[in-house]
């Protein structure tokens, strides 16, 4: 996204920091559009487990509004409309594993 905005230096920094944490930069394609990112998956599991947006944000060093933004993306990708549907939707997609 940073590359698309003409912010190549920030994109490179983000890539290096992601690699340093053991993460990988995902290539965007038609197949990945409906796949949850690692952060979306983590937030979805925390919401499924009953944590509020401020509680999730505190654990992940994010604002409650950022958590809300991620959850809206999760709901869209999973085709659901509420937290109550997260457990079944994550289980159906094989994304219901508990973090280690």
N, C-alpha and C. Protein backbone atom coordinates (compact mmCIF):
# COMPACT_ATOMS: atom_id res chain seq x y z
N UNK A 1 0.84 -1.18 0.00
CA UNK A 1 0.00 0.00 0.00
C UNK A 1 0.89 1.25 0.00
N UNK A 2 1.96 1.22 0.78
CA UNK A 2 2.85 2.36 0.81
C UNK A 2 3.50 2.60 -0.55
N UNK A 3 3.88 1.53 -1.22
CA UNK A 3 4.44 1.66 -2.57
C UNK A 3 3.44 2.34 -3.50
N UNK A 4 2.18 1.93 -3.41
CA UNK A 4 1.15 2.49 -4.29
C UNK A 4 0.94 3.98 -4.04
N UNK A 5 1.22 4.43 -2.83
CA UNK A 5 1.07 5.85 -2.49
C UNK A 5 2.33 6.64 -2.80
N UNK A 6 3.35 5.98 -3.35
CA UNK A 6 4.59 6.67 -3.67
C UNK A 6 5.51 6.87 -2.47
N UNK A 7 5.35 6.03 -1.46
CA UNK A 7 6.14 6.14 -0.24
C UNK A 7 7.08 4.94 -0.13
N UNK A 8 7.96 4.82 -1.11
CA UNK A 8 8.84 3.66 -1.21
C UNK A 8 9.73 3.48 0.01
N UNK A 9 10.23 4.58 0.57
CA UNK A 9 11.12 4.48 1.74
C UNK A 9 10.38 3.89 2.93
N UNK A 10 9.15 4.33 3.14
CA UNK A 10 8.36 3.77 4.24
C UNK A 10 8.00 2.31 3.98
N UNK A 11 7.72 1.98 2.73
CA UNK A 11 7.41 0.60 2.37
C UNK A 11 8.60 -0.31 2.66
N UNK A 12 9.78 0.15 2.31
CA UNK A 12 10.99 -0.65 2.56
C UNK A 12 11.23 -0.81 4.05
N UNK A 13 11.02 0.25 4.81
CA UNK A 13 11.20 0.16 6.27
C UNK A 13 10.20 -0.83 6.86
N UNK A 14 8.96 -0.75 6.43
CA UNK A 14 7.94 -1.67 6.93
C UNK A 14 8.29 -3.12 6.57
N UNK A 15 8.80 -3.32 5.34
CA UNK A 15 9.20 -4.67 4.91
C UNK A 15 10.32 -5.20 5.80
N UNK A 16 11.33 -4.36 6.07
CA UNK A 16 12.46 -4.80 6.91
C UNK A 16 12.00 -5.12 8.33
N UNK A 17 11.13 -4.29 8.88
CA UNK A 17 10.64 -4.53 10.23
C UNK A 17 9.79 -5.79 10.30
N UNK A 18 9.01 -6.04 9.29
CA UNK A 18 8.18 -7.24 9.24
C UNK A 18 9.06 -8.48 9.18
N UNK A 19 10.08 -8.44 8.35
CA UNK A 19 11.01 -9.57 8.24
C UNK A 19 11.74 -9.78 9.56
N UNK A 20 12.12 -8.70 10.23
CA UNK A 20 12.83 -8.80 11.51
C UNK A 20 11.99 -9.48 12.57
N UNK A 21 10.68 -9.36 12.48
CA UNK A 21 9.80 -10.00 13.45
C UNK A 21 9.42 -11.41 13.04
N UNK A 22 9.94 -11.85 11.89
CA UNK A 22 9.63 -13.20 11.43
C UNK A 22 8.43 -13.27 10.52
N UNK A 23 7.84 -12.12 10.21
CA UNK A 23 6.67 -12.08 9.34
C UNK A 23 7.07 -12.09 7.88
N UNK A 24 6.08 -12.17 7.03
CA UNK A 24 6.31 -12.16 5.60
C UNK A 24 5.37 -11.15 4.96
N UNK A 25 5.84 -10.52 3.92
CA UNK A 25 5.02 -9.60 3.16
C UNK A 25 4.16 -10.43 2.21
N UNK A 26 2.84 -10.26 2.33
CA UNK A 26 1.94 -11.00 1.45
C UNK A 26 1.81 -10.32 0.11
N UNK A 27 1.82 -11.10 -0.93
CA UNK A 27 1.55 -10.57 -2.26
C UNK A 27 0.04 -10.50 -2.42
N UNK A 28 -0.45 -9.39 -2.92
CA UNK A 28 -1.88 -9.24 -3.15
C UNK A 28 -2.26 -9.94 -4.45
N UNK A 29 -3.33 -10.71 -4.38
CA UNK A 29 -3.86 -11.36 -5.56
C UNK A 29 -5.34 -11.62 -5.32
N UNK A 30 -6.00 -12.08 -6.32
CA UNK A 30 -7.43 -12.39 -6.20
C UNK A 30 -7.64 -13.43 -5.09
N UNK A 31 -6.71 -14.38 -4.98
CA UNK A 31 -6.87 -15.44 -3.99
C UNK A 31 -6.71 -14.94 -2.55
N UNK A 32 -5.92 -13.89 -2.33
CA UNK A 32 -5.67 -13.43 -0.97
C UNK A 32 -6.66 -12.37 -0.50
N UNK A 33 -7.51 -11.88 -1.37
CA UNK A 33 -8.44 -10.81 -1.00
C UNK A 33 -9.33 -11.21 0.16
N UNK A 34 -9.80 -12.44 0.20
CA UNK A 34 -10.71 -12.90 1.26
C UNK A 34 -9.99 -13.63 2.38
N UNK A 35 -8.66 -13.68 2.35
CA UNK A 35 -7.90 -14.35 3.40
C UNK A 35 -7.54 -13.35 4.49
N UNK A 36 -7.74 -13.74 5.73
CA UNK A 36 -7.40 -12.86 6.84
C UNK A 36 -5.89 -12.70 6.95
N UNK A 37 -5.46 -11.47 7.23
CA UNK A 37 -4.05 -11.26 7.51
C UNK A 37 -3.76 -11.82 8.90
N UNK A 38 -2.50 -11.93 9.26
CA UNK A 38 -2.14 -12.44 10.59
C UNK A 38 -2.75 -11.56 11.68
N UNK A 39 -2.70 -10.25 11.49
CA UNK A 39 -3.26 -9.36 12.51
C UNK A 39 -4.77 -9.47 12.57
N UNK A 40 -5.42 -9.56 11.44
CA UNK A 40 -6.87 -9.73 11.42
C UNK A 40 -7.27 -11.03 12.12
N UNK A 41 -6.53 -12.07 11.85
CA UNK A 41 -6.83 -13.37 12.47
C UNK A 41 -6.66 -13.29 13.99
N UNK A 42 -5.59 -12.64 14.43
CA UNK A 42 -5.35 -12.51 15.87
C UNK A 42 -6.47 -11.69 16.53
N UNK A 43 -6.85 -10.59 15.92
CA UNK A 43 -7.92 -9.75 16.46
C UNK A 43 -9.23 -10.51 16.45
N UNK A 44 -9.51 -11.26 15.39
CA UNK A 44 -10.75 -12.04 15.31
C UNK A 44 -10.82 -13.07 16.43
N UNK A 45 -9.69 -13.76 16.70
CA UNK A 45 -9.67 -14.75 17.78
C UNK A 45 -9.90 -14.09 19.13
N UNK A 46 -9.30 -12.94 19.34
CA UNK A 46 -9.46 -12.24 20.62
C UNK A 46 -10.90 -11.77 20.80
N UNK A 47 -11.51 -11.27 19.72
CA UNK A 47 -12.91 -10.85 19.78
C UNK A 47 -13.81 -12.06 20.01
N UNK A 48 -13.50 -13.16 19.35
CA UNK A 48 -14.25 -14.40 19.53
C UNK A 48 -14.21 -14.86 20.99
N UNK A 49 -13.06 -14.64 21.63
CA UNK A 49 -12.87 -15.05 23.02
C UNK A 49 -13.49 -14.09 24.02
N UNK A 50 -14.14 -13.02 23.52
CA UNK A 50 -14.90 -12.13 24.39
C UNK A 50 -14.22 -10.83 24.79
N UNK A 51 -13.04 -10.55 24.26
CA UNK A 51 -12.37 -9.30 24.60
C UNK A 51 -13.03 -8.15 23.87
N UNK A 52 -13.11 -7.00 24.53
CA UNK A 52 -13.66 -5.79 23.92
C UNK A 52 -12.60 -5.14 23.03
N UNK A 53 -13.02 -4.20 22.21
CA UNK A 53 -12.06 -3.50 21.36
C UNK A 53 -10.97 -2.81 22.18
N UNK A 54 -11.29 -2.10 23.27
CA UNK A 54 -10.23 -1.49 24.08
C UNK A 54 -9.29 -2.53 24.70
N UNK A 55 -9.83 -3.69 25.10
CA UNK A 55 -8.98 -4.75 25.67
C UNK A 55 -8.04 -5.33 24.62
N UNK A 56 -8.57 -5.55 23.42
CA UNK A 56 -7.74 -6.06 22.32
C UNK A 56 -6.66 -5.03 21.99
N UNK A 57 -7.07 -3.77 21.88
CA UNK A 57 -6.13 -2.71 21.58
C UNK A 57 -5.02 -2.61 22.60
N UNK A 58 -5.35 -2.74 23.86
CA UNK A 58 -4.34 -2.64 24.93
C UNK A 58 -3.32 -3.76 24.80
N UNK A 59 -3.76 -4.95 24.47
CA UNK A 59 -2.84 -6.08 24.34
C UNK A 59 -1.96 -5.98 23.10
N UNK A 60 -2.49 -5.36 22.04
CA UNK A 60 -1.75 -5.28 20.77
C UNK A 60 -1.15 -3.90 20.51
N UNK A 61 -1.29 -3.00 21.48
CA UNK A 61 -0.78 -1.63 21.34
C UNK A 61 -1.42 -0.92 20.15
N UNK A 62 -2.73 -1.07 20.03
CA UNK A 62 -3.52 -0.43 18.99
C UNK A 62 -4.64 0.37 19.64
N UNK A 63 -5.18 1.34 18.93
CA UNK A 63 -6.34 2.06 19.45
C UNK A 63 -7.58 1.19 19.26
N UNK A 64 -8.60 1.47 20.05
CA UNK A 64 -9.86 0.74 19.92
C UNK A 64 -10.45 0.97 18.52
N UNK A 65 -10.25 2.15 17.97
CA UNK A 65 -10.76 2.44 16.62
C UNK A 65 -10.04 1.61 15.56
N UNK A 66 -8.75 1.39 15.74
CA UNK A 66 -8.00 0.55 14.80
C UNK A 66 -8.49 -0.89 14.88
N UNK A 67 -8.75 -1.36 16.09
CA UNK A 67 -9.31 -2.70 16.27
C UNK A 67 -10.66 -2.79 15.57
N UNK A 68 -11.49 -1.78 15.75
CA UNK A 68 -12.80 -1.75 15.10
C UNK A 68 -12.66 -1.81 13.58
N UNK A 69 -11.69 -1.08 13.03
CA UNK A 69 -11.44 -1.07 11.59
C UNK A 69 -11.07 -2.48 11.11
N UNK A 70 -10.16 -3.12 11.84
CA UNK A 70 -9.76 -4.49 11.48
C UNK A 70 -10.94 -5.44 11.56
N UNK A 71 -11.76 -5.31 12.60
CA UNK A 71 -12.91 -6.21 12.74
C UNK A 71 -13.91 -6.02 11.60
N UNK A 72 -14.10 -4.78 11.14
CA UNK A 72 -14.99 -4.58 9.99
C UNK A 72 -14.46 -5.32 8.78
N UNK A 73 -13.15 -5.28 8.57
CA UNK A 73 -12.55 -6.02 7.45
C UNK A 73 -12.74 -7.52 7.65
N UNK A 74 -12.55 -8.00 8.89
CA UNK A 74 -12.74 -9.43 9.20
C UNK A 74 -14.17 -9.85 8.89
N UNK A 75 -15.13 -9.06 9.36
CA UNK A 75 -16.54 -9.40 9.13
C UNK A 75 -16.84 -9.48 7.64
N UNK A 76 -16.31 -8.54 6.88
CA UNK A 76 -16.53 -8.54 5.43
C UNK A 76 -15.92 -9.78 4.79
N UNK A 77 -14.67 -10.08 5.15
CA UNK A 77 -13.99 -11.23 4.56
C UNK A 77 -14.66 -12.55 4.93
N UNK A 78 -15.19 -12.63 6.15
CA UNK A 78 -15.83 -13.86 6.60
C UNK A 78 -17.31 -13.92 6.23
N UNK A 79 -17.86 -12.82 5.75
CA UNK A 79 -19.27 -12.79 5.37
C UNK A 79 -20.20 -12.86 6.55
N UNK A 80 -19.80 -12.21 7.66
CA UNK A 80 -20.62 -12.22 8.87
C UNK A 80 -20.94 -10.78 9.28
N UNK A 81 -21.82 -10.64 10.28
CA UNK A 81 -22.21 -9.31 10.69
C UNK A 81 -22.00 -8.99 12.15
N UNK A 82 -21.52 -9.99 12.94
CA UNK A 82 -21.34 -9.71 14.37
C UNK A 82 -20.30 -10.63 14.98
N UNK A 83 -19.89 -10.27 16.18
CA UNK A 83 -18.92 -11.08 16.94
C UNK A 83 -19.48 -12.46 17.26
N UNK A 84 -20.79 -12.53 17.42
CA UNK A 84 -21.41 -13.81 17.78
C UNK A 84 -21.19 -14.87 16.70
N UNK A 85 -20.94 -14.44 15.48
CA UNK A 85 -20.75 -15.37 14.37
C UNK A 85 -19.28 -15.74 14.15
N UNK A 86 -18.37 -15.13 14.91
CA UNK A 86 -16.93 -15.36 14.69
C UNK A 86 -16.51 -16.81 14.92
N UNK A 87 -16.98 -17.42 16.00
CA UNK A 87 -16.54 -18.79 16.32
C UNK A 87 -16.82 -19.74 15.17
N UNK A 88 -18.05 -19.73 14.68
CA UNK A 88 -18.42 -20.64 13.59
C UNK A 88 -17.68 -20.29 12.30
N UNK A 89 -17.56 -19.00 12.01
CA UNK A 89 -16.90 -18.57 10.76
C UNK A 89 -15.42 -18.93 10.77
N UNK A 90 -14.74 -18.74 11.89
CA UNK A 90 -13.32 -19.08 11.97
C UNK A 90 -13.14 -20.60 11.89
N UNK A 91 -14.01 -21.34 12.56
CA UNK A 91 -13.92 -22.81 12.53
C UNK A 91 -14.14 -23.33 11.11
N UNK A 92 -15.09 -22.74 10.41
CA UNK A 92 -15.40 -23.16 9.05
C UNK A 92 -14.21 -22.97 8.11
N UNK A 93 -13.44 -21.93 8.34
CA UNK A 93 -12.30 -21.63 7.47
C UNK A 93 -10.99 -22.24 7.98
N UNK A 94 -11.07 -22.97 9.09
CA UNK A 94 -9.84 -23.56 9.63
C UNK A 94 -8.93 -22.53 10.27
N UNK A 95 -9.49 -21.39 10.67
CA UNK A 95 -8.71 -20.31 11.28
C UNK A 95 -9.10 -20.15 12.74
N UNK A 96 -9.47 -21.25 13.37
CA UNK A 96 -9.92 -21.17 14.75
C UNK A 96 -8.87 -21.65 15.75
N UNK A 97 -7.66 -21.91 15.28
CA UNK A 97 -6.61 -22.41 16.18
C UNK A 97 -6.29 -21.37 17.25
N UNK A 98 -6.07 -21.85 18.45
CA UNK A 98 -5.65 -20.99 19.54
C UNK A 98 -4.19 -20.64 19.35
N UNK A 99 -3.79 -19.42 19.71
CA UNK A 99 -2.37 -19.06 19.60
C UNK A 99 -1.54 -19.89 20.56
N UNK A 100 -0.30 -20.16 20.18
CA UNK A 100 0.59 -20.98 21.02
C UNK A 100 1.07 -20.25 22.23
